[in-house]
Amino acid sequence: TWQTLLSGNLKQALGGAAAEVATVSEA
């Protein structure tokens, strides 16, 4: 759960305004 929710947490940190969630380096 924690691993898969990181992208959602990022969007929430930006108030849902992010246009893109990008992978900087592979898991």
PDB file of all heavy atoms in Angstrom:
ATOM      1  N   THR A   1       0.831  -1.204   0.000  1.00  0.00           N
ATOM      2  CA  THR A   1       0.000   0.000   0.000  1.00  0.00           C
ATOM      3  C   THR A   1       0.863   1.250   0.000  1.00  0.00           C
ATOM      4  O   THR A   1       0.644   2.178  -0.792  1.00  0.00           O
ATOM      5  CB  THR A   1      -0.941   0.009   1.214  1.00  0.00           C
ATOM      6  OG1 THR A   1      -1.848  -1.089   1.115  1.00  0.00           O
ATOM      7  CG2 THR A   1      -1.739   1.303   1.290  1.00  0.00           C
ATOM      8  N   TRP A   2       1.848   1.304   0.871  1.00  0.00           N
ATOM      9  CA  TRP A   2       2.709   2.487   0.924  1.00  0.00           C
ATOM     10  C   TRP A   2       3.460   2.680  -0.385  1.00  0.00           C
ATOM     11  O   TRP A   2       3.618   3.807  -0.865  1.00  0.00           O
ATOM     12  CB  TRP A   2       3.684   2.368   2.088  1.00  0.00           C
ATOM     13  CG  TRP A   2       3.374   3.331   3.202  1.00  0.00           C
ATOM     14  CD1 TRP A   2       2.558   4.417   3.140  1.00  0.00           C
ATOM     15  CD2 TRP A   2       3.882   3.297   4.535  1.00  0.00           C
ATOM     16  NE1 TRP A   2       2.516   5.060   4.344  1.00  0.00           N
ATOM     17  CE2 TRP A   2       3.320   4.392   5.224  1.00  0.00           C
ATOM     18  CE3 TRP A   2       4.749   2.443   5.208  1.00  0.00           C
ATOM     19  CZ2 TRP A   2       3.611   4.669   6.554  1.00  0.00           C
ATOM     20  CZ3 TRP A   2       5.034   2.722   6.535  1.00  0.00           C
ATOM     21  CH2 TRP A   2       4.475   3.815   7.200  1.00  0.00           C
ATOM     22  N   GLN A   3       3.908   1.607  -0.977  1.00  0.00           N
ATOM     23  CA  GLN A   3       4.665   1.727  -2.225  1.00  0.00           C
ATOM     24  C   GLN A   3       3.798   2.245  -3.369  1.00  0.00           C
ATOM     25  O   GLN A   3       4.248   3.067  -4.174  1.00  0.00           O
ATOM     26  CB  GLN A   3       5.271   0.370  -2.591  1.00  0.00           C
ATOM     27  CG  GLN A   3       6.363  -0.095  -1.640  1.00  0.00           C
ATOM     28  CD  GLN A   3       6.743  -1.546  -1.810  1.00  0.00           C
ATOM     29  OE1 GLN A   3       6.268  -2.210  -2.727  1.00  0.00           O
ATOM     30  NE2 GLN A   3       7.579  -2.058  -0.933  1.00  0.00           N
ATOM     31  N   THR A   4       2.561   1.776  -3.440  1.00  0.00           N
ATOM     32  CA  THR A   4       1.712   2.157  -4.568  1.00  0.00           C
ATOM     33  C   THR A   4       1.053   3.523  -4.387  1.00  0.00           C
ATOM     34  O   THR A   4       0.567   4.098  -5.358  1.00  0.00           O
ATOM     35  CB  THR A   4       0.613   1.104  -4.799  1.00  0.00           C
ATOM     36  OG1 THR A   4      -0.162   0.945  -3.606  1.00  0.00           O
ATOM     37  CG2 THR A   4       1.235  -0.239  -5.166  1.00  0.00           C
ATOM     38  N   LEU A   5       1.050   4.072  -3.169  1.00  0.00           N
ATOM     39  CA  LEU A   5       0.380   5.345  -2.923  1.00  0.00           C
ATOM     40  C   LEU A   5       1.300   6.556  -3.043  1.00  0.00           C
ATOM     41  O   LEU A   5       0.851   7.682  -2.880  1.00  0.00           O
ATOM     42  CB  LEU A   5      -0.264   5.343  -1.536  1.00  0.00           C
ATOM     43  CG  LEU A   5      -1.504   4.454  -1.396  1.00  0.00           C
ATOM     44  CD1 LEU A   5      -2.020   4.495   0.020  1.00  0.00           C
ATOM     45  CD2 LEU A   5      -2.585   4.904  -2.368  1.00  0.00           C
ATOM     46  N   LEU A   6       2.562   6.341  -3.363  1.00  0.00           N
ATOM     47  CA  LEU A   6       3.476   7.477  -3.435  1.00  0.00           C
ATOM     48  C   LEU A   6       3.035   8.505  -4.473  1.00  0.00           C
ATOM     49  O   LEU A   6       3.095   9.709  -4.235  1.00  0.00           O
ATOM     50  CB  LEU A   6       4.894   6.996  -3.767  1.00  0.00           C
ATOM     51  CG  LEU A   6       5.776   6.548  -2.597  1.00  0.00           C
ATOM     52  CD1 LEU A   6       7.143   6.160  -3.116  1.00  0.00           C
ATOM     53  CD2 LEU A   6       5.883   7.617  -1.531  1.00  0.00           C
ATOM     54  N   SER A   7       2.604   8.038  -5.642  1.00  0.00           N
ATOM     55  CA  SER A   7       2.211   8.990  -6.688  1.00  0.00           C
ATOM     56  C   SER A   7       0.997   9.797  -6.253  1.00  0.00           C
ATOM     57  O   SER A   7       0.918  11.002  -6.516  1.00  0.00           O
ATOM     58  CB  SER A   7       1.933   8.260  -8.004  1.00  0.00           C
ATOM     59  OG  SER A   7       0.879   7.328  -7.841  1.00  0.00           O
ATOM     60  N   GLY A   8       0.038   9.153  -5.573  1.00  0.00           N
ATOM     61  CA  GLY A   8      -1.121   9.874  -5.071  1.00  0.00           C
ATOM     62  C   GLY A   8      -0.741  10.894  -4.020  1.00  0.00           C
ATOM     63  O   GLY A   8      -1.291  11.996  -3.978  1.00  0.00           O
ATOM     64  N   ASN A   9       0.214  10.543  -3.158  1.00  0.00           N
ATOM     65  CA  ASN A   9       0.675  11.486  -2.141  1.00  0.00           C
ATOM     66  C   ASN A   9       1.361  12.693  -2.775  1.00  0.00           C
ATOM     67  O   ASN A   9       1.224  13.831  -2.311  1.00  0.00           O
ATOM     68  CB  ASN A   9       1.636  10.788  -1.184  1.00  0.00           C
ATOM     69  CG  ASN A   9       0.926   9.800  -0.274  1.00  0.00           C
ATOM     70  OD1 ASN A   9      -0.301   9.806  -0.190  1.00  0.00           O
ATOM     71  ND2 ASN A   9       1.690   8.956   0.388  1.00  0.00           N
ATOM     72  N   LEU A  10       2.101  12.459  -3.848  1.00  0.00           N
ATOM     73  CA  LEU A  10       2.742  13.566  -4.555  1.00  0.00           C
ATOM     74  C   LEU A  10       1.700  14.531  -5.118  1.00  0.00           C
ATOM     75  O   LEU A  10       1.816  15.744  -4.984  1.00  0.00           O
ATOM     76  CB  LEU A  10       3.603  13.014  -5.691  1.00  0.00           C
ATOM     77  CG  LEU A  10       5.056  12.684  -5.390  1.00  0.00           C
ATOM     78  CD1 LEU A  10       5.684  11.970  -6.579  1.00  0.00           C
ATOM     79  CD2 LEU A  10       5.850  13.924  -5.048  1.00  0.00           C
ATOM     80  N   LYS A  11       0.688  13.979  -5.761  1.00  0.00           N
ATOM     81  CA  LYS A  11      -0.360  14.831  -6.310  1.00  0.00           C
ATOM     82  C   LYS A  11      -1.052  15.619  -5.209  1.00  0.00           C
ATOM     83  O   LYS A  11      -1.380  16.794  -5.372  1.00  0.00           O
ATOM     84  CB  LYS A  11      -1.372  13.983  -7.075  1.00  0.00           C
ATOM     85  CG  LYS A  11      -0.883  13.501  -8.425  1.00  0.00           C
ATOM     86  CD  LYS A  11      -1.995  12.790  -9.178  1.00  0.00           C
ATOM     87  CE  LYS A  11      -1.563  12.380 -10.572  1.00  0.00           C
ATOM     88  NZ  LYS A  11      -2.656  11.718 -11.321  1.00  0.00           N
ATOM     89  N   GLN A  12      -1.289  14.956  -4.089  1.00  0.00           N
ATOM     90  CA  GLN A  12      -1.957  15.641  -2.987  1.00  0.00           C
ATOM     91  C   GLN A  12      -1.097  16.772  -2.440  1.00  0.00           C
ATOM     92  O   GLN A  12      -1.596  17.832  -2.065  1.00  0.00           O
ATOM     93  CB  GLN A  12      -2.281  14.646  -1.873  1.00  0.00           C
ATOM     94  CG  GLN A  12      -3.126  15.264  -0.767  1.00  0.00           C
ATOM     95  CD  GLN A  12      -3.530  14.244   0.264  1.00  0.00           C
ATOM     96  OE1 GLN A  12      -2.705  13.455   0.706  1.00  0.00           O
ATOM     97  NE2 GLN A  12      -4.787  14.253   0.645  1.00  0.00           N
ATOM     98  N   ALA A  13       0.234  16.551  -2.400  1.00  0.00           N
ATOM     99  CA  ALA A  13       1.135  17.599  -1.929  1.00  0.00           C
ATOM    100  C   ALA A  13       1.069  18.837  -2.817  1.00  0.00           C
ATOM    101  O   ALA A  13       1.362  19.940  -2.376  1.00  0.00           O
ATOM    102  CB  ALA A  13       2.566  17.069  -1.876  1.00  0.00           C
ATOM    103  N   LEU A  14       0.673  18.647  -4.076  1.00  0.00           N
ATOM    104  CA  LEU A  14       0.536  19.767  -5.014  1.00  0.00           C
ATOM    105  C   LEU A  14      -0.915  20.221  -5.140  1.00  0.00           C
ATOM    106  O   LEU A  14      -1.243  20.963  -6.059  1.00  0.00           O
ATOM    107  CB  LEU A  14       1.068  19.351  -6.388  1.00  0.00           C
ATOM    108  CG  LEU A  14       2.573  19.106  -6.468  1.00  0.00           C
ATOM    109  CD1 LEU A  14       2.950  18.555  -7.826  1.00  0.00           C
ATOM    110  CD2 LEU A  14       3.341  20.380  -6.188  1.00  0.00           C
ATOM    111  N   GLY A  15      -1.779  19.757  -4.259  1.00  0.00           N
ATOM    112  CA  GLY A  15      -3.187  20.134  -4.329  1.00  0.00           C
ATOM    113  C   GLY A  15      -3.887  19.575  -5.542  1.00  0.00           C
ATOM    114  O   GLY A  15      -4.874  20.136  -6.015  1.00  0.00           O
ATOM    115  N   GLY A  16      -3.370  18.463  -6.074  1.00  0.00           N
ATOM    116  CA  GLY A  16      -3.989  17.841  -7.239  1.00  0.00           C
ATOM    117  C   GLY A  16      -3.703  18.554  -8.539  1.00  0.00           C
ATOM    118  O   GLY A  16      -4.289  18.229  -9.572  1.00  0.00           O
ATOM    119  N   ALA A  17      -2.768  19.533  -8.505  1.00  0.00           N
ATOM    120  CA  ALA A  17      -2.524  20.355  -9.697  1.00  0.00           C
ATOM    121  C   ALA A  17      -1.460  19.804 -10.624  1.00  0.00           C
ATOM    122  O   ALA A  17      -1.198  20.380 -11.665  1.00  0.00           O
ATOM    123  CB  ALA A  17      -2.118  21.769  -9.258  1.00  0.00           C
ATOM    124  N   ALA A  18      -0.838  18.711 -10.267  1.00  0.00           N
ATOM    125  CA  ALA A  18       0.260  18.195 -11.083  1.00  0.00           C
ATOM    126  C   ALA A  18      -0.241  17.699 -12.428  1.00  0.00           C
ATOM    127  O   ALA A  18      -1.258  17.021 -12.524  1.00  0.00           O
ATOM    128  CB  ALA A  18       0.980  17.066 -10.355  1.00  0.00           C
ATOM    129  N   ALA A  19       0.491  18.053 -13.472  1.00  0.00           N
ATOM    130  CA  ALA A  19       0.137  17.586 -14.806  1.00  0.00           C
ATOM    131  C   ALA A  19       0.707  16.212 -15.085  1.00  0.00           C
ATOM    132  O   ALA A  19       0.234  15.493 -15.955  1.00  0.00           O
ATOM    133  CB  ALA A  19       0.638  18.579 -15.847  1.00  0.00           C
ATOM    134  N   GLU A  20       1.739  15.820 -14.352  1.00  0.00           N
ATOM    135  CA  GLU A  20       2.434  14.574 -14.656  1.00  0.00           C
ATOM    136  C   GLU A  20       3.082  14.024 -13.394  1.00  0.00           C
ATOM    137  O   GLU A  20       3.589  14.772 -12.561  1.00  0.00           O
ATOM    138  CB  GLU A  20       3.524  14.836 -15.707  1.00  0.00           C
ATOM    139  CG  GLU A  20       4.354  13.613 -16.074  1.00  0.00           C
ATOM    140  CD  GLU A  20       5.500  13.979 -17.005  1.00  0.00           C
ATOM    141  OE1 GLU A  20       5.581  15.147 -17.439  1.00  0.00           O
ATOM    142  OE2 GLU A  20       6.325  13.094 -17.276  1.00  0.00           O
ATOM    143  N   VAL A  21       3.033  12.697 -13.237  1.00  0.00           N
ATOM    144  CA  VAL A  21       3.836  12.016 -12.232  1.00  0.00           C
ATOM    145  C   VAL A  21       4.858  11.183 -12.990  1.00  0.00           C
ATOM    146  O   VAL A  21       4.491  10.315 -13.784  1.00  0.00           O
ATOM    147  CB  VAL A  21       2.992  11.128 -11.304  1.00  0.00           C
ATOM    148  CG1 VAL A  21       3.900  10.337 -10.363  1.00  0.00           C
ATOM    149  CG2 VAL A  21       2.014  11.969 -10.498  1.00  0.00           C
ATOM    150  N   ALA A  22       6.123  11.485 -12.785  1.00  0.00           N
ATOM    151  CA  ALA A  22       7.189  10.849 -13.554  1.00  0.00           C
ATOM    152  C   ALA A  22       8.050   9.977 -12.653  1.00  0.00           C
ATOM    153  O   ALA A  22       8.254  10.281 -11.476  1.00  0.00           O
ATOM    154  CB  ALA A  22       8.064  11.913 -14.223  1.00  0.00           C
ATOM    155  N   THR A  23       8.555   8.895 -13.216  1.00  0.00           N
ATOM    156  CA  THR A  23       9.514   8.038 -12.527  1.00  0.00           C
ATOM    157  C   THR A  23      10.914   8.560 -12.809  1.00  0.00           C
ATOM    158  O   THR A  23      11.356   8.567 -13.955  1.00  0.00           O
ATOM    159  CB  THR A  23       9.385   6.583 -13.002  1.00  0.00           C
ATOM    160  OG1 THR A  23       8.074   6.099 -12.697  1.00  0.00           O
ATOM    161  CG2 THR A  23      10.409   5.694 -12.314  1.00  0.00           C
ATOM    162  N   VAL A  24      11.603   9.022 -11.760  1.00  0.00           N
ATOM    163  CA  VAL A  24      12.951   9.532 -11.938  1.00  0.00           C
ATOM    164  C   VAL A  24      13.923   8.373 -12.137  1.00  0.00           C
ATOM    165  O   VAL A  24      14.800   8.411 -13.003  1.00  0.00           O
ATOM    166  CB  VAL A  24      13.371  10.396 -10.738  1.00  0.00           C
ATOM    167  CG1 VAL A  24      14.786  10.949 -10.936  1.00  0.00           C
ATOM    168  CG2 VAL A  24      12.377  11.546 -10.546  1.00  0.00           C
ATOM    169  N   SER A  25      13.773   7.334 -11.339  1.00  0.00           N
ATOM    170  CA  SER A  25      14.545   6.107 -11.534  1.00  0.00           C
ATOM    171  C   SER A  25      13.652   4.928 -11.194  1.00  0.00           C
ATOM    172  O   SER A  25      12.752   5.034 -10.357  1.00  0.00           O
ATOM    173  CB  SER A  25      15.811   6.100 -10.674  1.00  0.00           C
ATOM    174  OG  SER A  25      15.494   6.211  -9.307  1.00  0.00           O
ATOM    175  N   GLU A  26      13.877   3.808 -11.846  1.00  0.00           N
ATOM    176  CA  GLU A  26      13.022   2.643 -11.669  1.00  0.00           C
ATOM    177  C   GLU A  26      13.124   2.095 -10.247  1.00  0.00           C
ATOM    178  O   GLU A  26      14.185   2.183  -9.608  1.00  0.00           O
ATOM    179  CB  GLU A  26      13.403   1.552 -12.671  1.00  0.00           C
ATOM    180  CG  GLU A  26      13.156   1.937 -14.124  1.00  0.00           C
ATOM    181  CD  GLU A  26      11.698   2.212 -14.415  1.00  0.00           C
ATOM    182  OE1 GLU A  26      10.836   1.531 -13.813  1.00  0.00           O
ATOM    183  OE2 GLU A  26      11.410   3.105 -15.228  1.00  0.00           O
ATOM    184  N   ALA A  27      12.028   1.527  -9.754  1.00  0.00           N
ATOM    185  CA  ALA A  27      12.029   0.915  -8.430  1.00  0.00           C
ATOM    186  C   ALA A  27      13.058  -0.206  -8.374  1.00  0.00           C
ATOM    187  O   ALA A  27      13.252  -0.940  -9.352  1.00  0.00           O
ATOM    188  CB  ALA A  27      10.639   0.371  -8.103  1.00  0.00           C
TER     189      ALA A  27
END
